[in-house]
Amino acid sequence: MKIELPGFPYQIFATDIIPDAQLTRHEREELAVNTLLREAFGNEARRVHDELGAPLLQIGGKRVDVTITLSHSPHMAALCPAEGKASIGIDIEAERPQLTRVTPRILTPEELDFYSNLPHGLLRAWTLKEALFKACRPLTDEAIDYTNQLGLPLQEGADAEFRDMHGNTLFSLGCFSRLLTAPVTTMLSAVYAKSID
């Protein structure tokens, strides 16, 4: 199925991860990802990884000039493709109690304050940070500081920022999130770089 995020300029494909006690979680996730690749690109589509672990697309055994970003939660998997080299990232995550414990490690105090006061805010902040990291990772050879270099928007409709270590904005990224409620409460977030100089 395709999921629409109004304003997000790329298609997102999603599928449920089918419970099967005879398969491991990893095997179920791989089946879901392969289903998404076939839906988007046909039966010969395969995922391989670059040296940093980022997914690459092959069709008929040949590398294709398409950027793909993938994510999965225990219940759903999602795929977002873009022609050529694009800075895109998606993340999908189910609501879980641990988020209140782990999000303070990756959010600035201002982000924590803002997102803590929104419905499902910490889930949204988590998925936006993960998607932002995926979009920014190919743009630098250096390690990325989740807290200080990946800036989340602090008002609705604002952009995220990728910053250098001195706090200067390198570029802005559009941010989009959608709450999905079946089979469990799940947040899908997507980001893309608006311009890269």
Protein backbone atom coordinates (compact mmCIF):
# COMPACT_ATOMS: atom_id res chain seq x y z
CA MET A 1 0.00 0.00 0.00
CA LYS A 2 1.05 3.60 -0.46
CA ILE A 3 0.93 6.05 2.42
CA GLU A 4 0.44 9.73 1.74
CA LEU A 5 2.19 12.40 3.77
CA PRO A 6 0.73 15.68 2.46
CA GLY A 7 3.54 17.90 1.20
CA PHE A 8 6.18 15.16 1.16
CA PRO A 9 7.40 14.95 -2.46
CA TYR A 10 8.19 11.22 -2.57
CA GLN A 11 6.11 8.05 -2.51
CA ILE A 12 6.10 5.88 0.59
CA PHE A 13 5.22 2.19 0.38
CA ALA A 14 4.21 0.33 3.53
CA THR A 15 3.13 -3.17 4.48
CA ASP A 16 2.18 -5.00 7.62
CA ILE A 17 4.67 -7.45 9.06
CA ILE A 18 2.77 -10.72 9.26
CA PRO A 19 3.05 -12.59 12.57
CA ASP A 20 4.48 -16.07 12.02
CA ALA A 21 5.77 -18.06 14.99
CA GLN A 22 7.93 -20.20 12.68
CA LEU A 23 9.97 -17.19 11.53
CA THR A 24 12.31 -14.99 13.53
CA ARG A 25 11.58 -11.28 13.80
CA HIS A 26 14.43 -10.59 11.38
CA GLU A 27 13.02 -13.07 8.84
CA ARG A 28 9.56 -11.46 9.08
CA GLU A 29 11.09 -8.00 8.58
CA GLU A 30 13.08 -9.21 5.56
CA LEU A 31 9.95 -10.71 3.99
CA ALA A 32 8.14 -7.40 4.43
CA VAL A 33 11.02 -5.39 2.92
CA ASN A 34 11.21 -7.76 -0.05
CA THR A 35 7.44 -7.37 -0.55
CA LEU A 36 7.88 -3.58 -0.63
CA LEU A 37 10.78 -3.79 -3.10
CA ARG A 38 8.70 -5.98 -5.43
CA GLU A 39 5.73 -3.63 -5.15
CA ALA A 40 7.83 -0.58 -5.99
CA PHE A 41 10.28 -2.04 -8.54
CA GLY A 42 9.18 -5.50 -9.69
CA ASN A 43 10.24 -9.07 -8.97
CA GLU A 44 13.95 -8.63 -9.78
CA ALA A 45 14.49 -5.87 -7.21
CA ARG A 46 17.01 -6.66 -4.48
CA ARG A 47 18.48 -4.68 -1.62
CA VAL A 48 22.21 -4.63 -0.99
CA HIS A 49 24.19 -2.38 1.34
CA ASP A 50 27.06 0.07 0.90
CA GLU A 51 30.13 0.09 3.15
CA LEU A 52 28.28 2.17 5.77
CA GLY A 53 25.27 -0.14 5.78
CA ALA A 54 22.95 2.13 3.80
CA PRO A 55 20.54 0.27 1.51
CA LEU A 56 21.16 0.25 -2.24
CA LEU A 57 18.86 -0.99 -4.98
CA GLN A 58 19.71 -3.61 -7.59
CA ILE A 59 17.39 -4.74 -10.35
CA GLY A 60 18.36 -7.80 -12.33
CA GLY A 61 21.71 -7.87 -10.50
CA LYS A 62 22.67 -4.31 -11.56
CA ARG A 63 22.92 -1.24 -9.34
CA VAL A 64 20.15 1.26 -10.10
CA ASP A 65 20.47 5.04 -9.67
CA VAL A 66 17.72 5.26 -7.08
CA THR A 67 18.07 6.23 -3.44
CA ILE A 68 16.04 4.08 -1.05
CA THR A 69 15.40 4.48 2.63
CA LEU A 70 13.77 1.74 4.70
CA SER A 71 12.39 1.31 8.17
CA HIS A 72 10.46 -1.28 10.13
CA SER A 73 8.78 -1.65 13.47
CA PRO A 74 7.53 -4.91 14.94
CA HIS A 75 4.26 -4.49 13.00
CA MET A 76 5.03 -2.52 9.80
CA ALA A 77 7.74 -1.90 7.23
CA ALA A 78 8.11 1.17 5.00
CA LEU A 79 10.13 2.05 1.89
CA CYS A 80 10.70 5.43 0.26
CA PRO A 81 12.49 5.59 -3.13
CA ALA A 82 13.82 8.69 -4.92
CA GLU A 83 15.39 8.99 -8.37
CA GLY A 84 19.13 9.67 -8.36
CA LYS A 85 21.03 10.76 -5.29
CA ALA A 86 18.62 12.23 -2.77
CA SER A 87 18.86 13.04 0.91
CA ILE A 88 15.77 11.33 2.24
CA GLY A 89 15.02 9.38 5.39
CA ILE A 90 12.04 7.60 6.90
CA ASP A 91 11.41 5.96 10.22
CA ILE A 92 8.47 3.99 11.54
CA GLU A 93 8.13 3.11 15.19
CA ALA A 94 5.41 1.76 17.47
CA GLU A 95 4.49 3.57 20.67
CA ARG A 96 6.40 2.07 23.58
CA PRO A 97 7.08 3.07 27.20
CA GLN A 98 10.88 3.16 26.76
CA LEU A 99 10.63 6.36 24.70
CA THR A 100 10.22 8.48 27.83
CA ARG A 101 13.53 7.07 29.07
CA VAL A 102 15.59 7.21 25.86
CA THR A 103 14.43 10.37 24.06
CA PRO A 104 16.15 12.73 26.54
CA ARG A 105 19.47 11.26 25.35
CA ILE A 106 18.97 12.50 21.78
CA LEU A 107 16.90 15.68 22.19
CA THR A 108 18.01 19.15 23.19
CA PRO A 109 16.22 20.55 26.26
CA GLU A 110 14.14 22.77 23.94
CA GLU A 111 13.14 19.81 21.75
CA LEU A 112 12.26 17.71 24.79
CA ASP A 113 10.09 20.51 26.20
CA PHE A 114 8.29 21.09 22.87
CA TYR A 115 7.67 17.45 21.92
CA SER A 116 6.76 16.35 25.47
CA ASN A 117 3.73 18.63 25.27
CA LEU A 118 2.35 17.19 22.02
CA PRO A 119 0.12 14.12 21.68
CA HIS A 120 2.49 11.24 20.81
CA GLY A 121 5.22 13.91 20.80
CA LEU A 122 8.12 11.79 21.99
CA LEU A 123 7.26 9.13 19.42
CA ARG A 124 7.20 11.83 16.75
CA ALA A 125 10.51 13.31 17.94
CA TRP A 126 12.17 9.88 17.96
CA THR A 127 11.06 9.01 14.43
CA LEU A 128 11.97 12.46 13.11
CA LYS A 129 15.50 12.21 14.58
CA GLU A 130 15.97 8.75 13.06
CA ALA A 131 14.69 9.88 9.65
CA LEU A 132 16.83 13.02 9.85
CA PHE A 133 19.92 10.94 10.59
CA LYS A 134 19.24 8.72 7.56
CA ALA A 135 18.84 11.75 5.31
CA CYS A 136 22.02 13.45 6.57
CA ARG A 137 24.33 10.42 6.91
CA PRO A 138 25.40 10.33 3.23
CA LEU A 139 26.30 14.03 3.33
CA THR A 140 29.20 13.83 5.73
CA ASP A 141 32.21 11.62 6.32
CA GLU A 142 32.19 12.46 10.01
CA ALA A 143 30.15 11.04 12.86
CA ILE A 144 26.88 12.89 13.43
CA ASP A 145 25.98 14.19 16.88
CA TYR A 146 22.26 13.32 17.15
CA THR A 147 21.54 15.93 19.78
CA ASN A 148 23.45 18.96 18.52
CA GLN A 149 23.67 18.53 14.74
CA LEU A 150 20.19 17.21 14.00
CA GLY A 151 17.79 19.98 14.96
CA LEU A 152 14.07 19.25 15.06
CA PRO A 153 11.49 21.93 14.26
CA LEU A 154 10.12 23.68 17.34
CA GLN A 155 6.87 24.79 15.71
CA GLU A 156 4.39 23.10 13.41
CA GLY A 157 5.30 23.40 9.74
CA ALA A 158 8.92 24.47 10.37
CA ASP A 159 11.95 22.72 8.89
CA ALA A 160 14.53 20.55 10.60
CA GLU A 161 18.20 21.52 10.36
CA PHE A 162 21.50 19.76 9.79
CA ARG A 163 24.14 21.81 11.62
CA ASP A 164 27.90 21.80 11.81
CA MET A 165 29.61 21.30 15.18
CA HIS A 166 29.48 25.08 15.78
CA GLY A 167 25.69 25.25 15.43
CA ASN A 168 25.67 26.77 11.93
CA THR A 169 22.88 25.47 9.69
CA LEU A 170 24.27 23.52 6.73
CA PHE A 171 20.85 22.90 5.19
CA SER A 172 17.15 22.65 5.97
CA LEU A 173 15.02 19.56 5.70
CA GLY A 174 11.27 19.27 5.29
CA CYS A 175 9.65 17.17 8.03
CA PHE A 176 6.46 15.16 7.85
CA SER A 177 4.79 12.76 10.28
CA ARG A 178 1.64 10.70 10.33
CA LEU A 179 0.13 8.70 13.15
CA LEU A 180 -1.10 5.27 12.10
CA THR A 181 -3.41 3.41 14.46
CA ALA A 182 -3.65 -0.15 13.17
CA PRO A 183 -2.66 -2.71 14.32
CA VAL A 184 -0.98 -0.62 17.06
CA THR A 185 -0.26 3.09 17.47
CA THR A 186 2.66 3.74 15.12
CA MET A 187 4.33 6.94 13.88
CA LEU A 188 5.72 7.29 10.36
CA SER A 189 8.09 10.22 9.83
CA ALA A 190 9.87 11.32 6.68
CA VAL A 191 12.38 14.07 5.92
CA TYR A 192 14.09 15.34 2.80
CA ALA A 193 16.77 17.92 2.12
CA LYS A 194 15.23 20.89 0.35
CA SER A 195 18.51 21.97 -1.19
CA ILE A 196 22.08 20.80 -0.96
CA ASP A 197 24.86 23.12 -2.06
